[in-house]
């Protein structure tokens, strides 16, 4: 989406502001993100 990069910047910076580590896949798909969360032992 046209707004994706802007929203992504807000989300990732906010998570960092909470002290949460971020793995940014960039352009992706819903199922790819779902697969990558357990693949990377992430918390969500």
ModelCIF file with pLDDT and N, C-alpha, C, O atoms, coordinates in Angstrom:
data_MODEL
#
_entry.id   MODEL 
#
_entity.id                         1 
_entity.type                       polymer 
_entity.pdbx_number_of_molecules   1 
#
_entity_poly.entity_id                      1 
_entity_poly.type                           'polypeptide(L)' 
_entity_poly.nstd_linkage                   no 
_entity_poly.nstd_monomer                   no 
_entity_poly.pdbx_seq_one_letter_code       
;(UNK)(UNK)(UNK)(UNK)(UNK)(UNK)(UNK)(UNK)(UNK)(UNK)(UNK)(UNK)(UNK)(UNK)(UNK)(UNK)
(UNK)(UNK)(UNK)(UNK)(UNK)(UNK)(UNK)(UNK)(UNK)(UNK)(UNK)(UNK)(UNK)(UNK)(UNK)(UNK)
(UNK)(UNK)(UNK)(UNK)(UNK)(UNK)(UNK)(UNK)(UNK)(UNK)(UNK)(UNK)
;
_entity_poly.pdbx_seq_one_letter_code_can   XXXXXXXXXXXXXXXXXXXXXXXXXXXXXXXXXXXXXXXXXXXX 
_entity_poly.pdbx_strand_id                 A 
#
loop_
_entity_poly_seq.entity_id 
_entity_poly_seq.num 
_entity_poly_seq.mon_id 
_entity_poly_seq.hetero 
1 1  UNK n 
1 2  UNK n 
1 3  UNK n 
1 4  UNK n 
1 5  UNK n 
1 6  UNK n 
1 7  UNK n 
1 8  UNK n 
1 9  UNK n 
1 10 UNK n 
1 11 UNK n 
1 12 UNK n 
1 13 UNK n 
1 14 UNK n 
1 15 UNK n 
1 16 UNK n 
1 17 UNK n 
1 18 UNK n 
1 19 UNK n 
1 20 UNK n 
1 21 UNK n 
1 22 UNK n 
1 23 UNK n 
1 24 UNK n 
1 25 UNK n 
1 26 UNK n 
1 27 UNK n 
1 28 UNK n 
1 29 UNK n 
1 30 UNK n 
1 31 UNK n 
1 32 UNK n 
1 33 UNK n 
1 34 UNK n 
1 35 UNK n 
1 36 UNK n 
1 37 UNK n 
1 38 UNK n 
1 39 UNK n 
1 40 UNK n 
1 41 UNK n 
1 42 UNK n 
1 43 UNK n 
1 44 UNK n 
#
_struct_asym.id          A 
_struct_asym.entity_id   1 
#
loop_
_ma_qa_metric.id 
_ma_qa_metric.mode 
_ma_qa_metric.name 
_ma_qa_metric.software_group_id 
_ma_qa_metric.type 
1 global pLDDT . pLDDT 
2 local  pLDDT . pLDDT 
#
_ma_qa_metric_global.metric_id      1 
_ma_qa_metric_global.metric_value   97.98 
_ma_qa_metric_global.model_id       1 
_ma_qa_metric_global.ordinal_id     1 
#
loop_
_ma_qa_metric_local.label_asym_id 
_ma_qa_metric_local.label_comp_id 
_ma_qa_metric_local.label_seq_id 
_ma_qa_metric_local.metric_id 
_ma_qa_metric_local.metric_value 
_ma_qa_metric_local.model_id 
_ma_qa_metric_local.ordinal_id 
A UNK 1  2 98.00 1 1  
A UNK 2  2 97.00 1 2  
A UNK 3  2 98.00 1 3  
A UNK 4  2 98.00 1 4  
A UNK 5  2 98.00 1 5  
A UNK 6  2 98.00 1 6  
A UNK 7  2 98.00 1 7  
A UNK 8  2 98.00 1 8  
A UNK 9  2 98.00 1 9  
A UNK 10 2 98.00 1 10 
A UNK 11 2 98.00 1 11 
A UNK 12 2 98.00 1 12 
A UNK 13 2 98.00 1 13 
A UNK 14 2 98.00 1 14 
A UNK 15 2 98.00 1 15 
A UNK 16 2 98.00 1 16 
A UNK 17 2 98.00 1 17 
A UNK 18 2 98.00 1 18 
A UNK 19 2 98.00 1 19 
A UNK 20 2 98.00 1 20 
A UNK 21 2 98.00 1 21 
A UNK 22 2 98.00 1 22 
A UNK 23 2 98.00 1 23 
A UNK 24 2 98.00 1 24 
A UNK 25 2 98.00 1 25 
A UNK 26 2 98.00 1 26 
A UNK 27 2 98.00 1 27 
A UNK 28 2 98.00 1 28 
A UNK 29 2 98.00 1 29 
A UNK 30 2 98.00 1 30 
A UNK 31 2 98.00 1 31 
A UNK 32 2 98.00 1 32 
A UNK 33 2 98.00 1 33 
A UNK 34 2 98.00 1 34 
A UNK 35 2 98.00 1 35 
A UNK 36 2 98.00 1 36 
A UNK 37 2 98.00 1 37 
A UNK 38 2 98.00 1 38 
A UNK 39 2 98.00 1 39 
A UNK 40 2 98.00 1 40 
A UNK 41 2 98.00 1 41 
A UNK 42 2 98.00 1 42 
A UNK 43 2 98.00 1 43 
A UNK 44 2 98.00 1 44 
#
loop_
_atom_site.group_PDB 
_atom_site.id 
_atom_site.type_symbol 
_atom_site.label_atom_id 
_atom_site.label_alt_id 
_atom_site.label_comp_id 
_atom_site.label_asym_id 
_atom_site.label_entity_id 
_atom_site.label_seq_id 
_atom_site.pdbx_PDB_ins_code 
_atom_site.Cartn_x 
_atom_site.Cartn_y 
_atom_site.Cartn_z 
_atom_site.occupancy 
_atom_site.B_iso_or_equiv 
_atom_site.pdbx_formal_charge 
_atom_site.auth_seq_id 
_atom_site.auth_comp_id 
_atom_site.auth_asym_id 
_atom_site.auth_atom_id 
_atom_site.pdbx_PDB_model_num 
ATOM 1   N N  . UNK A 1 1  ? 0.818  -1.217  0.000  1.00 98.00 ? 1  UNK A N  1 
ATOM 2   C CA . UNK A 1 1  ? 0.000  0.000   0.000  1.00 98.00 ? 1  UNK A CA 1 
ATOM 3   C C  . UNK A 1 1  ? 0.848  1.261   0.000  1.00 98.00 ? 1  UNK A C  1 
ATOM 4   O O  . UNK A 1 1  ? 1.963  1.277   0.520  1.00 98.00 ? 1  UNK A O  1 
ATOM 5   N N  . UNK A 1 2  ? 0.299  2.321   -0.595 1.00 97.00 ? 2  UNK A N  1 
ATOM 6   C CA . UNK A 1 2  ? 1.005  3.603   -0.691 1.00 97.00 ? 2  UNK A CA 1 
ATOM 7   C C  . UNK A 1 2  ? 1.403  4.101   0.697  1.00 97.00 ? 2  UNK A C  1 
ATOM 8   O O  . UNK A 1 2  ? 2.477  4.680   0.863  1.00 97.00 ? 2  UNK A O  1 
ATOM 9   N N  . UNK A 1 3  ? 0.546  3.879   1.690  1.00 98.00 ? 3  UNK A N  1 
ATOM 10  C CA . UNK A 1 3  ? 0.817  4.365   3.053  1.00 98.00 ? 3  UNK A CA 1 
ATOM 11  C C  . UNK A 1 3  ? 1.709  3.420   3.847  1.00 98.00 ? 3  UNK A C  1 
ATOM 12  O O  . UNK A 1 3  ? 2.061  3.720   4.988  1.00 98.00 ? 3  UNK A O  1 
ATOM 13  N N  . UNK A 1 4  ? 2.081  2.278   3.259  1.00 98.00 ? 4  UNK A N  1 
ATOM 14  C CA . UNK A 1 4  ? 2.770  1.228   4.016  1.00 98.00 ? 4  UNK A CA 1 
ATOM 15  C C  . UNK A 1 4  ? 4.078  1.655   4.638  1.00 98.00 ? 4  UNK A C  1 
ATOM 16  O O  . UNK A 1 4  ? 4.331  1.368   5.808  1.00 98.00 ? 4  UNK A O  1 
ATOM 17  N N  . UNK A 1 5  ? 4.917  2.340   3.871  1.00 98.00 ? 5  UNK A N  1 
ATOM 18  C CA . UNK A 1 5  ? 6.238  2.730   4.390  1.00 98.00 ? 5  UNK A CA 1 
ATOM 19  C C  . UNK A 1 5  ? 6.091  3.701   5.562  1.00 98.00 ? 5  UNK A C  1 
ATOM 20  O O  . UNK A 1 5  ? 6.811  3.599   6.555  1.00 98.00 ? 5  UNK A O  1 
ATOM 21  N N  . UNK A 1 6  ? 5.153  4.641   5.438  1.00 98.00 ? 6  UNK A N  1 
ATOM 22  C CA . UNK A 1 6  ? 4.926  5.614   6.514  1.00 98.00 ? 6  UNK A CA 1 
ATOM 23  C C  . UNK A 1 6  ? 4.431  4.919   7.778  1.00 98.00 ? 6  UNK A C  1 
ATOM 24  O O  . UNK A 1 6  ? 4.950  5.168   8.866  1.00 98.00 ? 6  UNK A O  1 
ATOM 25  N N  . UNK A 1 7  ? 3.440  4.058   7.641  1.00 98.00 ? 7  UNK A N  1 
ATOM 26  C CA . UNK A 1 7  ? 2.892  3.344   8.806  1.00 98.00 ? 7  UNK A CA 1 
ATOM 27  C C  . UNK A 1 7  ? 3.958  2.439   9.415  1.00 98.00 ? 7  UNK A C  1 
ATOM 28  O O  . UNK A 1 7  ? 4.062  2.324   10.636 1.00 98.00 ? 7  UNK A O  1 
ATOM 29  N N  . UNK A 1 8  ? 4.752  1.795   8.549  1.00 98.00 ? 8  UNK A N  1 
ATOM 30  C CA . UNK A 1 8  ? 5.821  0.914   9.024  1.00 98.00 ? 8  UNK A CA 1 
ATOM 31  C C  . UNK A 1 8  ? 6.830  1.675   9.881  1.00 98.00 ? 8  UNK A C  1 
ATOM 32  O O  . UNK A 1 8  ? 7.274  1.175   10.915 1.00 98.00 ? 8  UNK A O  1 
ATOM 33  N N  . UNK A 1 9  ? 7.191  2.888   9.449  1.00 98.00 ? 9  UNK A N  1 
ATOM 34  C CA . UNK A 1 9  ? 8.146  3.698   10.228 1.00 98.00 ? 9  UNK A CA 1 
ATOM 35  C C  . UNK A 1 9  ? 7.591  4.008   11.613 1.00 98.00 ? 9  UNK A C  1 
ATOM 36  O O  . UNK A 1 9  ? 8.310  3.924   12.609 1.00 98.00 ? 9  UNK A O  1 
ATOM 37  N N  . UNK A 1 10 ? 6.320  4.364   11.676 1.00 98.00 ? 10 UNK A N  1 
ATOM 38  C CA . UNK A 1 10 ? 5.685  4.682   12.958 1.00 98.00 ? 10 UNK A CA 1 
ATOM 39  C C  . UNK A 1 10 ? 5.658  3.466   13.875 1.00 98.00 ? 10 UNK A C  1 
ATOM 40  O O  . UNK A 1 10 ? 5.969  3.569   15.061 1.00 98.00 ? 10 UNK A O  1 
ATOM 41  N N  . UNK A 1 11 ? 5.282  2.307   13.316 1.00 98.00 ? 11 UNK A N  1 
ATOM 42  C CA . UNK A 1 11 ? 5.147  1.087   14.119 1.00 98.00 ? 11 UNK A CA 1 
ATOM 43  C C  . UNK A 1 11 ? 6.493  0.625   14.651 1.00 98.00 ? 11 UNK A C  1 
ATOM 44  O O  . UNK A 1 11 ? 6.630  0.339   15.841 1.00 98.00 ? 11 UNK A O  1 
ATOM 45  N N  . UNK A 1 12 ? 7.486  0.551   13.773 1.00 98.00 ? 12 UNK A N  1 
ATOM 46  C CA . UNK A 1 12 ? 8.783  0.028   14.213 1.00 98.00 ? 12 UNK A CA 1 
ATOM 47  C C  . UNK A 1 12 ? 9.450  0.965   15.217 1.00 98.00 ? 12 UNK A C  1 
ATOM 48  O O  . UNK A 1 12 ? 10.049 0.502   16.188 1.00 98.00 ? 12 UNK A O  1 
ATOM 49  N N  . UNK A 1 13 ? 9.353  2.265   14.996 1.00 98.00 ? 13 UNK A N  1 
ATOM 50  C CA . UNK A 1 13 ? 9.961  3.217   15.946 1.00 98.00 ? 13 UNK A CA 1 
ATOM 51  C C  . UNK A 1 13 ? 9.248  3.179   17.294 1.00 98.00 ? 13 UNK A C  1 
ATOM 52  O O  . UNK A 1 13 ? 9.893  3.293   18.336 1.00 98.00 ? 13 UNK A O  1 
ATOM 53  N N  . UNK A 1 14 ? 7.931  3.023   17.286 1.00 98.00 ? 14 UNK A N  1 
ATOM 54  C CA . UNK A 1 14 ? 7.178  2.951   18.551 1.00 98.00 ? 14 UNK A CA 1 
ATOM 55  C C  . UNK A 1 14 ? 7.572  1.713   19.343 1.00 98.00 ? 14 UNK A C  1 
ATOM 56  O O  . UNK A 1 14 ? 7.749  1.781   20.559 1.00 98.00 ? 14 UNK A O  1 
ATOM 57  N N  . UNK A 1 15 ? 7.711  0.572   18.652 1.00 98.00 ? 15 UNK A N  1 
ATOM 58  C CA . UNK A 1 15 ? 8.133  -0.656  19.347 1.00 98.00 ? 15 UNK A CA 1 
ATOM 59  C C  . UNK A 1 15 ? 9.528  -0.486  19.939 1.00 98.00 ? 15 UNK A C  1 
ATOM 60  O O  . UNK A 1 15 ? 9.782  -0.911  21.066 1.00 98.00 ? 15 UNK A O  1 
ATOM 61  N N  . UNK A 1 16 ? 10.430 0.132   19.182 1.00 98.00 ? 16 UNK A N  1 
ATOM 62  C CA . UNK A 1 16 ? 11.769 0.397   19.721 1.00 98.00 ? 16 UNK A CA 1 
ATOM 63  C C  . UNK A 1 16 ? 11.680 1.299   20.952 1.00 98.00 ? 16 UNK A C  1 
ATOM 64  O O  . UNK A 1 16 ? 12.420 1.128   21.921 1.00 98.00 ? 16 UNK A O  1 
ATOM 65  N N  . UNK A 1 17 ? 10.763 2.258   20.892 1.00 98.00 ? 17 UNK A N  1 
ATOM 66  C CA . UNK A 1 17 ? 10.579 3.169   22.022 1.00 98.00 ? 17 UNK A CA 1 
ATOM 67  C C  . UNK A 1 17 ? 10.109 2.465   23.282 1.00 98.00 ? 17 UNK A C  1 
ATOM 68  O O  . UNK A 1 17 ? 10.330 2.951   24.391 1.00 98.00 ? 17 UNK A O  1 
ATOM 69  N N  . UNK A 1 18 ? 9.460  1.317   23.112 1.00 98.00 ? 18 UNK A N  1 
ATOM 70  C CA . UNK A 1 18 ? 9.042  0.504   24.256 1.00 98.00 ? 18 UNK A CA 1 
ATOM 71  C C  . UNK A 1 18 ? 10.152 -0.420  24.738 1.00 98.00 ? 18 UNK A C  1 
ATOM 72  O O  . UNK A 1 18 ? 10.011 -1.084  25.765 1.00 98.00 ? 18 UNK A O  1 
ATOM 73  N N  . UNK A 1 19 ? 11.254 -0.463  23.997 1.00 98.00 ? 19 UNK A N  1 
ATOM 74  C CA . UNK A 1 19 ? 12.349 -1.375  24.349 1.00 98.00 ? 19 UNK A CA 1 
ATOM 75  C C  . UNK A 1 19 ? 12.223 -2.730  23.681 1.00 98.00 ? 19 UNK A C  1 
ATOM 76  O O  . UNK A 1 19 ? 12.887 -3.683  24.090 1.00 98.00 ? 19 UNK A O  1 
ATOM 77  N N  . UNK A 1 20 ? 11.383 -2.835  22.658 1.00 98.00 ? 20 UNK A N  1 
ATOM 78  C CA . UNK A 1 20 ? 11.162 -4.098  21.958 1.00 98.00 ? 20 UNK A CA 1 
ATOM 79  C C  . UNK A 1 20 ? 12.037 -4.155  20.710 1.00 98.00 ? 20 UNK A C  1 
ATOM 80  O O  . UNK A 1 20 ? 12.120 -3.184  19.958 1.00 98.00 ? 20 UNK A O  1 
ATOM 81  N N  . UNK A 1 21 ? 12.690 -5.297  20.495 1.00 98.00 ? 21 UNK A N  1 
ATOM 82  C CA . UNK A 1 21 ? 13.507 -5.483  19.297 1.00 98.00 ? 21 UNK A CA 1 
ATOM 83  C C  . UNK A 1 21 ? 12.588 -5.760  18.109 1.00 98.00 ? 21 UNK A C  1 
ATOM 84  O O  . UNK A 1 21 ? 11.586 -6.464  18.238 1.00 98.00 ? 21 UNK A O  1 
ATOM 85  N N  . UNK A 1 22 ? 12.937 -5.205  16.965 1.00 98.00 ? 22 UNK A N  1 
ATOM 86  C CA . UNK A 1 22 ? 12.102 -5.312  15.770 1.00 98.00 ? 22 UNK A CA 1 
ATOM 87  C C  . UNK A 1 22 ? 12.858 -6.009  14.650 1.00 98.00 ? 22 UNK A C  1 
ATOM 88  O O  . UNK A 1 22 ? 13.995 -5.658  14.335 1.00 98.00 ? 22 UNK A O  1 
ATOM 89  N N  . UNK A 1 23 ? 12.205 -7.009  14.049 1.00 98.00 ? 23 UNK A N  1 
ATOM 90  C CA . UNK A 1 23 ? 12.703 -7.605  12.813 1.00 98.00 ? 23 UNK A CA 1 
ATOM 91  C C  . UNK A 1 23 ? 11.742 -7.178  11.712 1.00 98.00 ? 23 UNK A C  1 
ATOM 92  O O  . UNK A 1 23 ? 10.585 -7.596  11.687 1.00 98.00 ? 23 UNK A O  1 
ATOM 93  N N  . UNK A 1 24 ? 12.235 -6.342  10.801 1.00 98.00 ? 24 UNK A N  1 
ATOM 94  C CA . UNK A 1 24 ? 11.394 -5.747  9.764  1.00 98.00 ? 24 UNK A CA 1 
ATOM 95  C C  . UNK A 1 24 ? 11.586 -6.526  8.456  1.00 98.00 ? 24 UNK A C  1 
ATOM 96  O O  . UNK A 1 24 ? 12.665 -6.504  7.865  1.00 98.00 ? 24 UNK A O  1 
ATOM 97  N N  . UNK A 1 25 ? 10.522 -7.215  8.010  1.00 98.00 ? 25 UNK A N  1 
ATOM 98  C CA . UNK A 1 25 ? 10.583 -7.976  6.769  1.00 98.00 ? 25 UNK A CA 1 
ATOM 99  C C  . UNK A 1 25 ? 10.359 -7.094  5.547  1.00 98.00 ? 25 UNK A C  1 
ATOM 100 O O  . UNK A 1 25 ? 10.556 -7.537  4.415  1.00 98.00 ? 25 UNK A O  1 
ATOM 101 N N  . UNK A 1 26 ? 9.944  -5.838  5.774  1.00 98.00 ? 26 UNK A N  1 
ATOM 102 C CA . UNK A 1 26 ? 9.650  -4.952  4.652  1.00 98.00 ? 26 UNK A CA 1 
ATOM 103 C C  . UNK A 1 26 ? 8.444  -5.456  3.881  1.00 98.00 ? 26 UNK A C  1 
ATOM 104 O O  . UNK A 1 26 ? 7.474  -5.916  4.482  1.00 98.00 ? 26 UNK A O  1 
ATOM 105 N N  . UNK A 1 27 ? 8.493  -5.373  2.543  1.00 98.00 ? 27 UNK A N  1 
ATOM 106 C CA . UNK A 1 27 ? 7.386  -5.872  1.727  1.00 98.00 ? 27 UNK A CA 1 
ATOM 107 C C  . UNK A 1 27 ? 7.239  -7.373  1.944  1.00 98.00 ? 27 UNK A C  1 
ATOM 108 O O  . UNK A 1 27 ? 8.185  -8.133  1.737  1.00 98.00 ? 27 UNK A O  1 
ATOM 109 N N  . UNK A 1 28 ? 6.054  -7.790  2.360  1.00 98.00 ? 28 UNK A N  1 
ATOM 110 C CA . UNK A 1 28 ? 5.848  -9.186  2.725  1.00 98.00 ? 28 UNK A CA 1 
ATOM 111 C C  . UNK A 1 28 ? 4.396  -9.555  2.442  1.00 98.00 ? 28 UNK A C  1 
ATOM 112 O O  . UNK A 1 28 ? 3.670  -8.796  1.800  1.00 98.00 ? 28 UNK A O  1 
ATOM 113 N N  . UNK A 1 29 ? 3.982  -10.712 2.918  1.00 98.00 ? 29 UNK A N  1 
ATOM 114 C CA . UNK A 1 29 ? 2.584  -11.124 2.819  1.00 98.00 ? 29 UNK A CA 1 
ATOM 115 C C  . UNK A 1 29 ? 2.098  -11.524 4.201  1.00 98.00 ? 29 UNK A C  1 
ATOM 116 O O  . UNK A 1 29 ? 2.902  -11.822 5.085  1.00 98.00 ? 29 UNK A O  1 
ATOM 117 N N  . UNK A 1 30 ? 0.789  -11.532 4.389  1.00 98.00 ? 30 UNK A N  1 
ATOM 118 C CA . UNK A 1 30 ? 0.250  -11.965 5.684  1.00 98.00 ? 30 UNK A CA 1 
ATOM 119 C C  . UNK A 1 30 ? 0.752  -13.363 6.055  1.00 98.00 ? 30 UNK A C  1 
ATOM 120 O O  . UNK A 1 30 ? 1.253  -13.540 7.165  1.00 98.00 ? 30 UNK A O  1 
ATOM 121 N N  . UNK A 1 31 ? 0.638  -14.374 5.163  1.00 98.00 ? 31 UNK A N  1 
ATOM 122 C CA . UNK A 1 31 ? 1.119  -15.698 5.571  1.00 98.00 ? 31 UNK A CA 1 
ATOM 123 C C  . UNK A 1 31 ? 2.625  -15.757 5.792  1.00 98.00 ? 31 UNK A C  1 
ATOM 124 O O  . UNK A 1 31 ? 3.091  -16.541 6.619  1.00 98.00 ? 31 UNK A O  1 
ATOM 125 N N  . UNK A 1 32 ? 3.400  -14.944 5.068  1.00 98.00 ? 32 UNK A N  1 
ATOM 126 C CA . UNK A 1 32 ? 4.853  -14.959 5.273  1.00 98.00 ? 32 UNK A CA 1 
ATOM 127 C C  . UNK A 1 32 ? 5.213  -14.451 6.664  1.00 98.00 ? 32 UNK A C  1 
ATOM 128 O O  . UNK A 1 32 ? 6.069  -15.030 7.333  1.00 98.00 ? 32 UNK A O  1 
ATOM 129 N N  . UNK A 1 33 ? 4.572  -13.379 7.102  1.00 98.00 ? 33 UNK A N  1 
ATOM 130 C CA . UNK A 1 33 ? 4.822  -12.878 8.463  1.00 98.00 ? 33 UNK A CA 1 
ATOM 131 C C  . UNK A 1 33 ? 4.412  -13.946 9.489  1.00 98.00 ? 33 UNK A C  1 
ATOM 132 O O  . UNK A 1 33 ? 5.106  -14.166 10.482 1.00 98.00 ? 33 UNK A O  1 
ATOM 133 N N  . UNK A 1 34 ? 3.282  -14.601 9.232  1.00 98.00 ? 34 UNK A N  1 
ATOM 134 C CA . UNK A 1 34 ? 2.815  -15.650 10.163 1.00 98.00 ? 34 UNK A CA 1 
ATOM 135 C C  . UNK A 1 34 ? 3.818  -16.797 10.267 1.00 98.00 ? 34 UNK A C  1 
ATOM 136 O O  . UNK A 1 34 ? 4.020  -17.356 11.345 1.00 98.00 ? 34 UNK A O  1 
ATOM 137 N N  . UNK A 1 35 ? 4.441  -17.141 9.147  1.00 98.00 ? 35 UNK A N  1 
ATOM 138 C CA . UNK A 1 35 ? 5.446  -18.206 9.139  1.00 98.00 ? 35 UNK A CA 1 
ATOM 139 C C  . UNK A 1 35 ? 6.727  -17.756 9.842  1.00 98.00 ? 35 UNK A C  1 
ATOM 140 O O  . UNK A 1 35 ? 7.372  -18.547 10.530 1.00 98.00 ? 35 UNK A O  1 
ATOM 141 N N  . UNK A 1 36 ? 7.090  -16.497 9.669  1.00 98.00 ? 36 UNK A N  1 
ATOM 142 C CA . UNK A 1 36 ? 8.379  -16.013 10.170 1.00 98.00 ? 36 UNK A CA 1 
ATOM 143 C C  . UNK A 1 36 ? 8.395  -15.763 11.673 1.00 98.00 ? 36 UNK A C  1 
ATOM 144 O O  . UNK A 1 36 ? 9.462  -15.795 12.286 1.00 98.00 ? 36 UNK A O  1 
ATOM 145 N N  . UNK A 1 37 ? 7.226  -15.514 12.284 1.00 98.00 ? 37 UNK A N  1 
ATOM 146 C CA . UNK A 1 37 ? 7.217  -15.268 13.740 1.00 98.00 ? 37 UNK A CA 1 
ATOM 147 C C  . UNK A 1 37 ? 7.780  -16.473 14.504 1.00 98.00 ? 37 UNK A C  1 
ATOM 148 O O  . UNK A 1 37 ? 8.731  -16.300 15.266 1.00 98.00 ? 37 UNK A O  1 
ATOM 149 N N  . UNK A 1 38 ? 7.232  -17.694 14.334 1.00 98.00 ? 38 UNK A N  1 
ATOM 150 C CA . UNK A 1 38 ? 7.841  -18.832 15.035 1.00 98.00 ? 38 UNK A CA 1 
ATOM 151 C C  . UNK A 1 38 ? 9.215  -19.211 14.475 1.00 98.00 ? 38 UNK A C  1 
ATOM 152 O O  . UNK A 1 38 ? 10.072 -19.699 15.212 1.00 98.00 ? 38 UNK A O  1 
ATOM 153 N N  . UNK A 1 39 ? 9.425  -18.992 13.188 1.00 98.00 ? 39 UNK A N  1 
ATOM 154 C CA . UNK A 1 39 ? 10.729 -19.296 12.577 1.00 98.00 ? 39 UNK A CA 1 
ATOM 155 C C  . UNK A 1 39 ? 11.848 -18.529 13.284 1.00 98.00 ? 39 UNK A C  1 
ATOM 156 O O  . UNK A 1 39 ? 12.950 -19.052 13.454 1.00 98.00 ? 39 UNK A O  1 
ATOM 157 N N  . UNK A 1 40 ? 11.567 -17.296 13.695 1.00 98.00 ? 40 UNK A N  1 
ATOM 158 C CA . UNK A 1 40 ? 12.572 -16.453 14.345 1.00 98.00 ? 40 UNK A CA 1 
ATOM 159 C C  . UNK A 1 40 ? 12.446 -16.451 15.869 1.00 98.00 ? 40 UNK A C  1 
ATOM 160 O O  . UNK A 1 40 ? 13.094 -15.660 16.554 1.00 98.00 ? 40 UNK A O  1 
ATOM 161 N N  . UNK A 1 41 ? 11.598 -17.354 16.394 1.00 98.00 ? 41 UNK A N  1 
ATOM 162 C CA . UNK A 1 41 ? 11.345 -17.413 17.848 1.00 98.00 ? 41 UNK A CA 1 
ATOM 163 C C  . UNK A 1 41 ? 10.949 -16.056 18.408 1.00 98.00 ? 41 UNK A C  1 
ATOM 164 O O  . UNK A 1 41 ? 11.346 -15.696 19.516 1.00 98.00 ? 41 UNK A O  1 
ATOM 165 N N  . UNK A 1 42 ? 10.170 -15.308 17.646 1.00 98.00 ? 42 UNK A N  1 
ATOM 166 C CA . UNK A 1 42 ? 9.729  -13.988 18.090 1.00 98.00 ? 42 UNK A CA 1 
ATOM 167 C C  . UNK A 1 42 ? 8.552  -14.115 19.054 1.00 98.00 ? 42 UNK A C  1 
ATOM 168 O O  . UNK A 1 42 ? 7.963  -15.186 19.198 1.00 98.00 ? 42 UNK A O  1 
ATOM 169 N N  . UNK A 1 43 ? 8.225  -13.016 19.701 1.00 98.00 ? 43 UNK A N  1 
ATOM 170 C CA . UNK A 1 43 ? 7.154  -13.007 20.706 1.00 98.00 ? 43 UNK A CA 1 
ATOM 171 C C  . UNK A 1 43 ? 5.811  -12.571 20.128 1.00 98.00 ? 43 UNK A C  1 
ATOM 172 O O  . UNK A 1 43 ? 4.796  -12.568 20.825 1.00 98.00 ? 43 UNK A O  1 
ATOM 173 N N  . UNK A 1 44 ? 5.815  -12.206 18.861 1.00 98.00 ? 44 UNK A N  1 
ATOM 174 C CA . UNK A 1 44 ? 4.579  -11.780 18.215 1.00 98.00 ? 44 UNK A CA 1 
ATOM 175 C C  . UNK A 1 44 ? 4.910  -11.103 16.907 1.00 98.00 ? 44 UNK A C  1 
ATOM 176 O O  . UNK A 1 44 ? 4.008  -10.663 16.194 1.00 98.00 ? 44 UNK A O  1 
#
